[in-house]
Amino acid sequence: MSRIRVGIVNVTGYIGMDLARLLHGHPGVELVSVTGRSAVGQKLGEAIPHLAGIDLTIASEPDRVDFVFTALPHGESAGPVATALEQGLKVVDIGADFRLKDAGEFERWYKVAHPAPGYLNEAVYGLVELNRSGIREARLVANPGCYPTGAILALAPALEDGLIEPDIVIDSKSGASGAGRTVTLTTHYAELNENVAAYALAGHRHLPEMVQELGRLAPSAGLSVTFVPHLIPMTRGILTTCYAKIKADRLPGGEDGKAYLAKLYADFYSGEPFVKVLTAPPQTKQAWGSNLCLVHPAVDAGTGRLVVISAIDNLVKGGAGQAVQNMNLMLGFPETAGLESLPVYP
C-alpha cells in the first residue's frame, strides 16, 4: 500500500528536525521533501548529522507532496501555506501565523501585518484534546504554541466545569530549545548556565493565544490572565504552574474536595492517549522525547486556590509531535501513529 507523501518547509529549525525524526518512523507517510533556506543543495545528513539516515537533499521549495508542514518564523509561513492550499494540499502550520483569529491582534503582538488574513477563519486551532472533530475536517490546522499547550491543557477541565474564578496566573519555565537555534546573549551558555530568568513581563506573544482558547471554554467569564515565562538551563521541556481561586462553595473541603478534583480531571481526559493525570507533581524529564502532557491538579488548603502543574517536551507535544497528531487526524490515521515512543529517562 502506497504511503502519503509529506514535506517539511524549513527542516533546519529544532521543531523541523524533530518533525523529520518522527515522520521517518511513521507507518503511513513517507517524508519525500524538505526545505531550508540556509542549506539548499546540501544532503540532509550533511546539514543535520543526526538525520543522516534520511536520504534527502534540502530544496528551496517542497516537491511531489500530498501534505505539507510549515515550520517558519511568524509572518513567513502564510505564503507557503497559501500556496499549498491553492494546490489542493492539506497543511499543518507549526508557526504562529494562523493561531489568532483576529488579524489586528496578530499585528499587535507580532508587529507585522498578517500576510494572508483570508485564511484565519478557516484555520482550526490544533489542540487535539479540545478540537478533535474540527481538526478531522480541516485542510489548514494551526499548531498551538508550546507555552499555550501546557497551560490550556492544565486549566481546561477546571474552566469548563466552572470551578474557578476568571483571574488566572500562569507561570512557565522552559528549556533553551524553545528560543530556537539562533544564538542570542540570553541563550549563550555562559549566560544561561547556573541561571534562571523571567522575561517578556510586558506581555508574551503566546498570551493572546491562551486567552483566546481558554475563553472558548468559559465564554462568559471575562478572563484575566497573567502569564510569566522563565528561561532555565536545560535543553528540552516546559513546566507550567497555573493558579486560580476556586469559586465559593464549589468544592467540598478536605479529602472529598481532593477526590472531586481528581475525578474531574480524570473524567475530562479519559481516553486521551497523550494526556496523563498524575497523583504527584510531574517533572519535565518524565515527558522528555514523548508526545505526552503530564498534569497534576491540587488545592492549596490555606488559600482555597487551585494549583495545576503540567509538564511537556516543548519540541514534541509542544511542537512536532502535536503536528503529527494533527496530521494523523486530518489524514484518517490512528491518532497515535508514529507517536508511541515512551519518554527517554533520565
Protein backbone atom coordinates (compact mmCIF):
# COMPACT_ATOMS: atom_id res chain seq x y z
CA MET A 1 0.00 0.00 0.00
CA SER A 2 1.43 3.38 -1.02
CA ARG A 3 2.15 5.88 1.73
CA ILE A 4 1.16 9.54 1.69
CA ARG A 5 3.99 11.84 0.61
CA VAL A 6 4.74 14.64 3.03
CA GLY A 7 7.07 17.62 3.01
CA ILE A 8 8.54 19.97 5.61
CA VAL A 9 9.05 23.65 4.86
CA ASN A 10 12.09 24.64 6.97
CA VAL A 11 13.60 21.46 8.33
CA THR A 12 16.61 23.25 9.81
CA GLY A 13 14.91 24.57 12.96
CA TYR A 14 14.65 22.44 16.08
CA ILE A 15 10.98 21.59 15.54
CA GLY A 16 11.57 20.90 11.84
CA MET A 17 14.34 18.48 12.81
CA ASP A 18 12.17 16.68 15.35
CA LEU A 19 9.36 16.52 12.82
CA ALA A 20 11.65 14.79 10.32
CA ARG A 21 12.69 12.32 13.01
CA LEU A 22 9.08 11.46 13.86
CA LEU A 23 7.89 11.24 10.25
CA HIS A 24 10.78 8.92 9.35
CA GLY A 25 9.29 6.31 11.66
CA HIS A 26 5.65 6.88 10.74
CA PRO A 27 3.93 3.81 9.23
CA GLY A 28 1.55 5.70 6.94
CA VAL A 29 3.59 8.50 5.40
CA GLU A 30 6.84 8.99 3.52
CA LEU A 31 8.94 12.09 4.01
CA VAL A 32 9.86 13.00 0.43
CA SER A 33 10.75 16.71 0.54
CA VAL A 34 12.47 19.10 2.96
CA THR A 35 13.37 22.76 2.53
CA GLY A 36 15.73 25.07 4.40
CA ARG A 37 16.87 28.39 3.02
CA SER A 38 20.29 28.36 4.66
CA ALA A 39 21.14 24.85 3.48
CA VAL A 40 19.66 24.49 -0.01
CA GLY A 41 21.51 21.86 -2.02
CA GLN A 42 23.00 20.07 0.96
CA LYS A 43 22.18 16.50 1.85
CA LEU A 44 20.01 16.43 4.95
CA GLY A 45 22.64 14.40 6.80
CA GLU A 46 25.33 16.97 5.99
CA ALA A 47 23.34 19.88 7.36
CA ILE A 48 21.83 17.93 10.26
CA PRO A 49 24.09 14.94 11.01
CA HIS A 50 21.74 13.06 13.33
CA LEU A 51 19.25 12.82 10.42
CA ALA A 52 21.78 11.15 8.08
CA GLY A 53 19.54 8.09 7.87
CA ILE A 54 17.04 10.13 5.81
CA ASP A 55 18.28 10.23 2.21
CA LEU A 56 17.01 13.64 1.07
CA THR A 57 18.53 16.81 -0.35
CA ILE A 58 17.39 20.12 1.10
CA ALA A 59 15.48 22.04 -1.56
CA SER A 60 14.17 25.59 -1.89
CA GLU A 61 10.52 24.55 -2.39
CA PRO A 62 8.50 21.43 -1.46
CA ASP A 63 8.09 18.98 -4.33
CA ARG A 64 5.92 15.92 -5.11
CA VAL A 65 3.97 16.13 -1.87
CA ASP A 66 0.41 15.37 -0.77
CA PHE A 67 0.67 17.06 2.62
CA VAL A 68 2.79 19.94 3.95
CA PHE A 69 4.13 21.08 7.32
CA THR A 70 5.36 24.66 7.54
CA ALA A 71 7.80 25.49 10.34
CA LEU A 72 8.81 29.08 9.67
CA PRO A 73 9.04 32.19 11.86
CA HIS A 74 5.94 34.36 12.31
CA GLY A 75 4.91 36.25 9.22
CA GLU A 76 6.74 33.83 6.94
CA SER A 77 4.54 30.71 6.99
CA ALA A 78 1.48 32.36 5.47
CA GLY A 79 2.89 32.50 1.93
CA PRO A 80 3.84 28.80 1.68
CA VAL A 81 0.57 27.88 3.41
CA ALA A 82 -1.49 29.81 0.87
CA THR A 83 0.45 28.23 -2.00
CA ALA A 84 -0.12 24.72 -0.64
CA LEU A 85 -3.84 25.33 -0.13
CA GLU A 86 -4.16 26.67 -3.67
CA GLN A 87 -2.57 23.43 -4.88
CA GLY A 88 -5.24 21.41 -3.05
CA LEU A 89 -2.93 20.23 -0.26
CA LYS A 90 -3.65 19.97 3.44
CA VAL A 91 -1.34 21.87 5.77
CA VAL A 92 -0.27 21.97 9.41
CA ASP A 93 1.38 25.31 10.16
CA ILE A 94 3.72 24.98 13.14
CA GLY A 95 4.40 28.71 13.09
CA ALA A 96 2.23 31.40 14.65
CA ASP A 97 0.55 32.84 11.57
CA PHE A 98 -2.87 31.20 11.90
CA ARG A 99 -3.30 30.71 15.64
CA LEU A 100 -5.02 34.02 16.35
CA LYS A 101 -8.41 34.62 14.74
CA ASP A 102 -8.12 38.40 14.80
CA ALA A 103 -5.69 39.89 12.26
CA GLY A 104 -5.45 43.02 14.37
CA GLU A 105 -4.39 41.03 17.41
CA PHE A 106 -1.76 39.27 15.29
CA GLU A 107 -0.37 42.63 14.15
CA ARG A 108 -0.41 43.99 17.71
CA TRP A 109 1.60 41.10 19.14
CA TYR A 110 3.83 40.18 16.20
CA LYS A 111 4.41 43.71 14.85
CA VAL A 112 3.70 42.79 11.22
CA ALA A 113 0.54 42.93 9.12
CA HIS A 114 -0.94 39.49 8.58
CA PRO A 115 0.13 38.21 5.14
CA ALA A 116 -3.00 36.10 4.47
CA PRO A 117 -5.91 37.15 6.72
CA GLY A 118 -8.43 35.48 4.42
CA TYR A 119 -7.46 32.09 5.82
CA LEU A 120 -7.74 32.97 9.53
CA ASN A 121 -11.37 31.90 9.92
CA GLU A 122 -10.74 28.64 8.08
CA ALA A 123 -7.76 27.61 10.21
CA VAL A 124 -8.56 25.21 13.06
CA TYR A 125 -6.61 25.56 16.29
CA GLY A 126 -4.73 22.28 16.57
CA LEU A 127 -5.09 21.33 20.22
CA VAL A 128 -6.46 17.87 19.55
CA GLU A 129 -7.87 17.21 23.01
CA LEU A 130 -10.25 20.17 22.62
CA ASN A 131 -10.78 20.43 18.84
CA ARG A 132 -10.66 16.87 17.58
CA SER A 133 -13.75 16.95 15.34
CA GLY A 134 -12.79 20.23 13.67
CA ILE A 135 -9.26 19.03 13.00
CA ARG A 136 -10.53 15.89 11.27
CA GLU A 137 -12.38 18.02 8.72
CA ALA A 138 -9.77 20.75 8.32
CA ARG A 139 -7.43 21.45 5.45
CA LEU A 140 -5.47 24.03 7.48
CA VAL A 141 -4.53 23.45 11.12
CA ALA A 142 -2.65 25.97 13.26
CA ASN A 143 -0.37 24.03 15.58
CA PRO A 144 -0.50 25.56 19.09
CA GLY A 145 2.43 27.31 20.69
CA CYS A 146 4.44 25.39 23.25
CA TYR A 147 3.51 27.50 26.27
CA PRO A 148 -0.24 27.54 25.46
CA THR A 149 -0.27 23.75 25.03
CA GLY A 150 0.80 23.09 28.62
CA ALA A 151 -1.27 25.92 30.10
CA ILE A 152 -4.54 25.22 28.28
CA LEU A 153 -4.43 21.50 29.00
CA ALA A 154 -3.76 22.26 32.67
CA LEU A 155 -6.73 24.62 33.01
CA ALA A 156 -9.34 23.24 30.59
CA PRO A 157 -11.16 20.86 32.98
CA ALA A 158 -11.48 23.46 35.73
CA LEU A 159 -12.67 26.21 33.38
CA GLU A 160 -15.22 24.05 31.60
CA ASP A 161 -16.57 22.89 34.96
CA GLY A 162 -16.95 26.47 36.19
CA LEU A 163 -14.79 25.63 39.19
CA ILE A 164 -12.52 28.68 39.23
CA GLU A 165 -12.68 32.45 39.22
CA PRO A 166 -11.59 34.17 35.98
CA ASP A 167 -8.41 35.72 37.43
CA ILE A 168 -5.67 33.24 36.43
CA VAL A 169 -1.89 33.25 36.86
CA ILE A 170 0.28 31.06 34.62
CA ASP A 171 3.97 30.55 35.43
CA SER A 172 6.07 28.60 32.92
CA LYS A 173 9.69 27.52 32.86
CA SER A 174 11.18 26.49 29.53
CA GLY A 175 14.37 24.92 28.29
CA ALA A 176 16.56 26.86 25.86
CA SER A 177 15.47 24.98 22.73
CA GLY A 178 12.24 26.98 22.85
CA ALA A 179 14.21 30.03 21.77
CA GLY A 180 15.28 28.35 18.52
CA ARG A 181 18.74 27.86 17.01
CA THR A 182 19.74 31.49 16.59
CA VAL A 183 22.29 32.36 19.24
CA THR A 184 21.48 35.35 21.46
CA LEU A 185 23.05 36.73 24.60
CA THR A 186 20.33 35.23 26.79
CA THR A 187 20.81 31.75 25.31
CA HIS A 188 24.61 31.90 25.30
CA TYR A 189 25.90 29.07 27.53
CA ALA A 190 27.78 31.36 29.90
CA GLU A 191 24.65 33.49 30.41
CA LEU A 192 22.14 30.64 30.64
CA ASN A 193 24.05 28.12 32.74
CA GLU A 194 23.50 28.26 36.53
CA ASN A 195 20.83 30.89 35.97
CA VAL A 196 17.05 31.35 35.85
CA ALA A 197 15.46 34.43 34.33
CA ALA A 198 11.92 35.71 33.79
CA TYR A 199 11.27 37.52 30.54
CA ALA A 200 8.51 39.19 28.49
CA LEU A 201 6.85 40.67 31.58
CA ALA A 202 5.24 43.32 29.39
CA GLY A 203 3.44 40.55 27.52
CA HIS A 204 4.50 37.38 25.72
CA ARG A 205 3.24 36.59 22.22
CA HIS A 206 1.66 33.37 23.46
CA LEU A 207 -0.59 35.24 25.92
CA PRO A 208 -3.34 36.21 23.41
CA GLU A 209 -3.38 32.63 22.18
CA MET A 210 -4.00 31.42 25.74
CA VAL A 211 -6.73 33.99 26.33
CA GLN A 212 -8.42 33.17 23.01
CA GLU A 213 -8.57 29.42 23.58
CA LEU A 214 -9.26 29.48 27.33
CA GLY A 215 -12.03 31.98 26.61
CA ARG A 216 -13.73 29.43 24.37
CA LEU A 217 -14.05 27.15 27.40
CA ALA A 218 -15.61 29.88 29.55
CA PRO A 219 -17.01 32.46 27.10
CA SER A 220 -18.91 34.47 29.71
CA ALA A 221 -16.21 34.50 32.39
CA GLY A 222 -14.28 37.60 31.31
CA LEU A 223 -10.90 36.00 31.86
CA SER A 224 -7.95 37.95 33.22
CA VAL A 225 -4.72 36.04 32.57
CA THR A 226 -1.25 36.88 33.84
CA PHE A 227 1.49 34.87 32.12
CA VAL A 228 5.16 34.95 33.13
CA PRO A 229 7.64 32.72 31.24
CA HIS A 230 11.10 31.84 32.54
CA LEU A 231 14.20 30.52 30.79
CA ILE A 232 16.08 27.83 32.69
CA PRO A 233 19.33 25.96 31.97
CA MET A 234 18.05 22.81 30.32
CA THR A 235 17.54 21.85 26.69
CA ARG A 236 14.02 20.48 26.44
CA GLY A 237 10.86 20.78 28.46
CA ILE A 238 8.29 23.17 29.89
CA LEU A 239 6.95 23.03 33.41
CA THR A 240 3.84 25.16 33.85
CA THR A 241 2.14 26.01 37.14
CA CYS A 242 -1.33 27.59 36.97
CA TYR A 243 -3.08 29.33 39.86
CA ALA A 244 -6.74 30.35 40.20
CA LYS A 245 -9.11 30.98 43.09
CA ILE A 246 -11.78 28.30 43.48
CA LYS A 247 -15.30 29.70 43.48
CA ALA A 248 -17.07 29.80 46.83
CA ASP A 249 -18.96 26.62 47.73
CA ARG A 250 -17.88 24.86 44.51
CA LEU A 251 -15.52 22.35 46.08
CA PRO A 252 -16.04 20.27 49.24
CA GLY A 253 -13.43 20.56 51.95
CA GLY A 254 -10.77 18.04 52.88
CA GLU A 255 -10.47 14.67 51.18
CA ASP A 256 -13.84 15.00 49.44
CA GLY A 257 -12.57 18.07 47.61
CA LYS A 258 -9.41 16.30 46.53
CA ALA A 259 -11.46 13.37 45.28
CA TYR A 260 -13.78 15.69 43.31
CA LEU A 261 -10.85 17.43 41.66
CA ALA A 262 -9.08 14.18 40.80
CA LYS A 263 -12.26 12.76 39.25
CA LEU A 264 -12.94 15.98 37.33
CA TYR A 265 -9.54 15.80 35.64
CA ALA A 266 -9.58 12.04 35.17
CA ASP A 267 -13.00 12.14 33.53
CA PHE A 268 -12.13 15.10 31.30
CA TYR A 269 -9.06 13.34 29.90
CA SER A 270 -10.46 9.80 29.97
CA GLY A 271 -9.38 8.01 26.80
CA GLU A 272 -6.92 10.71 25.78
CA PRO A 273 -3.76 8.91 24.66
CA PHE A 274 -1.37 11.80 25.32
CA VAL A 275 -2.66 13.49 28.46
CA LYS A 276 -1.92 11.68 31.71
CA VAL A 277 -3.39 12.90 35.00
CA LEU A 278 -0.91 12.09 37.76
CA THR A 279 -1.29 11.73 41.52
CA ALA A 280 2.00 13.58 42.11
CA PRO A 281 3.52 16.69 40.51
CA PRO A 282 5.14 15.89 37.13
CA GLN A 283 8.73 16.55 36.15
CA THR A 284 9.89 17.63 32.70
CA LYS A 285 12.17 14.62 32.34
CA GLN A 286 9.12 12.35 32.67
CA ALA A 287 7.86 13.72 29.33
CA TRP A 288 11.23 14.12 27.57
CA GLY A 289 11.14 12.97 23.94
CA SER A 290 7.45 11.99 24.10
CA ASN A 291 4.14 13.47 22.96
CA LEU A 292 2.77 13.38 26.50
CA CYS A 293 1.34 16.18 28.60
CA LEU A 294 1.52 15.24 32.28
CA VAL A 295 -0.97 17.04 34.53
CA HIS A 296 -1.42 17.21 38.30
CA PRO A 297 -4.25 19.23 39.91
CA ALA A 298 -4.15 20.18 43.60
CA VAL A 299 -5.72 22.56 46.10
CA ASP A 300 -3.87 24.95 48.38
CA ALA A 301 -5.96 24.36 51.50
CA GLY A 302 -4.79 27.55 53.17
CA THR A 303 -5.92 29.89 50.38
CA GLY A 304 -8.59 27.86 48.58
CA ARG A 305 -6.63 28.23 45.39
CA LEU A 306 -6.42 25.70 42.60
CA VAL A 307 -2.86 24.81 41.62
CA VAL A 308 -2.37 22.78 38.43
CA ILE A 309 1.04 21.68 37.16
CA SER A 310 1.75 20.38 33.66
CA ALA A 311 4.92 19.11 32.00
CA ILE A 312 5.62 18.66 28.29
CA ASP A 313 8.52 18.32 25.91
CA ASN A 314 8.33 21.66 24.13
CA LEU A 315 9.65 20.20 20.86
CA VAL A 316 7.27 17.22 20.79
CA LYS A 317 3.87 17.79 22.41
CA GLY A 318 4.71 21.49 22.24
CA GLY A 319 5.67 21.27 18.56
CA ALA A 320 6.50 18.40 16.18
CA GLY A 321 4.63 15.61 17.97
CA GLN A 322 1.45 17.64 18.20
CA ALA A 323 1.82 18.45 14.49
CA VAL A 324 1.98 14.73 13.67
CA GLN A 325 -1.01 14.11 15.95
CA ASN A 326 -2.93 16.72 13.92
CA MET A 327 -1.80 15.20 10.63
CA ASN A 328 -2.98 11.78 11.77
CA LEU A 329 -6.49 13.09 12.32
CA MET A 330 -6.55 15.06 9.06
CA LEU A 331 -5.47 12.01 7.04
CA GLY A 332 -7.55 9.39 8.87
CA PHE A 333 -4.66 7.58 10.56
CA PRO A 334 -4.84 6.33 14.15
CA GLU A 335 -4.17 9.35 16.32
CA THR A 336 -1.17 7.70 17.96
CA ALA A 337 0.55 6.60 14.72
CA GLY A 338 4.25 7.42 14.81
CA LEU A 339 3.98 8.78 18.34
CA GLU A 340 4.00 5.66 20.50
CA SER A 341 7.54 6.04 21.85
CA LEU A 342 7.83 6.26 25.61
CA PRO A 343 9.74 9.12 27.25
CA VAL A 344 13.54 8.97 27.48
CA TYR A 345 14.76 8.89 31.09
CA PRO A 346 16.89 10.04 32.80
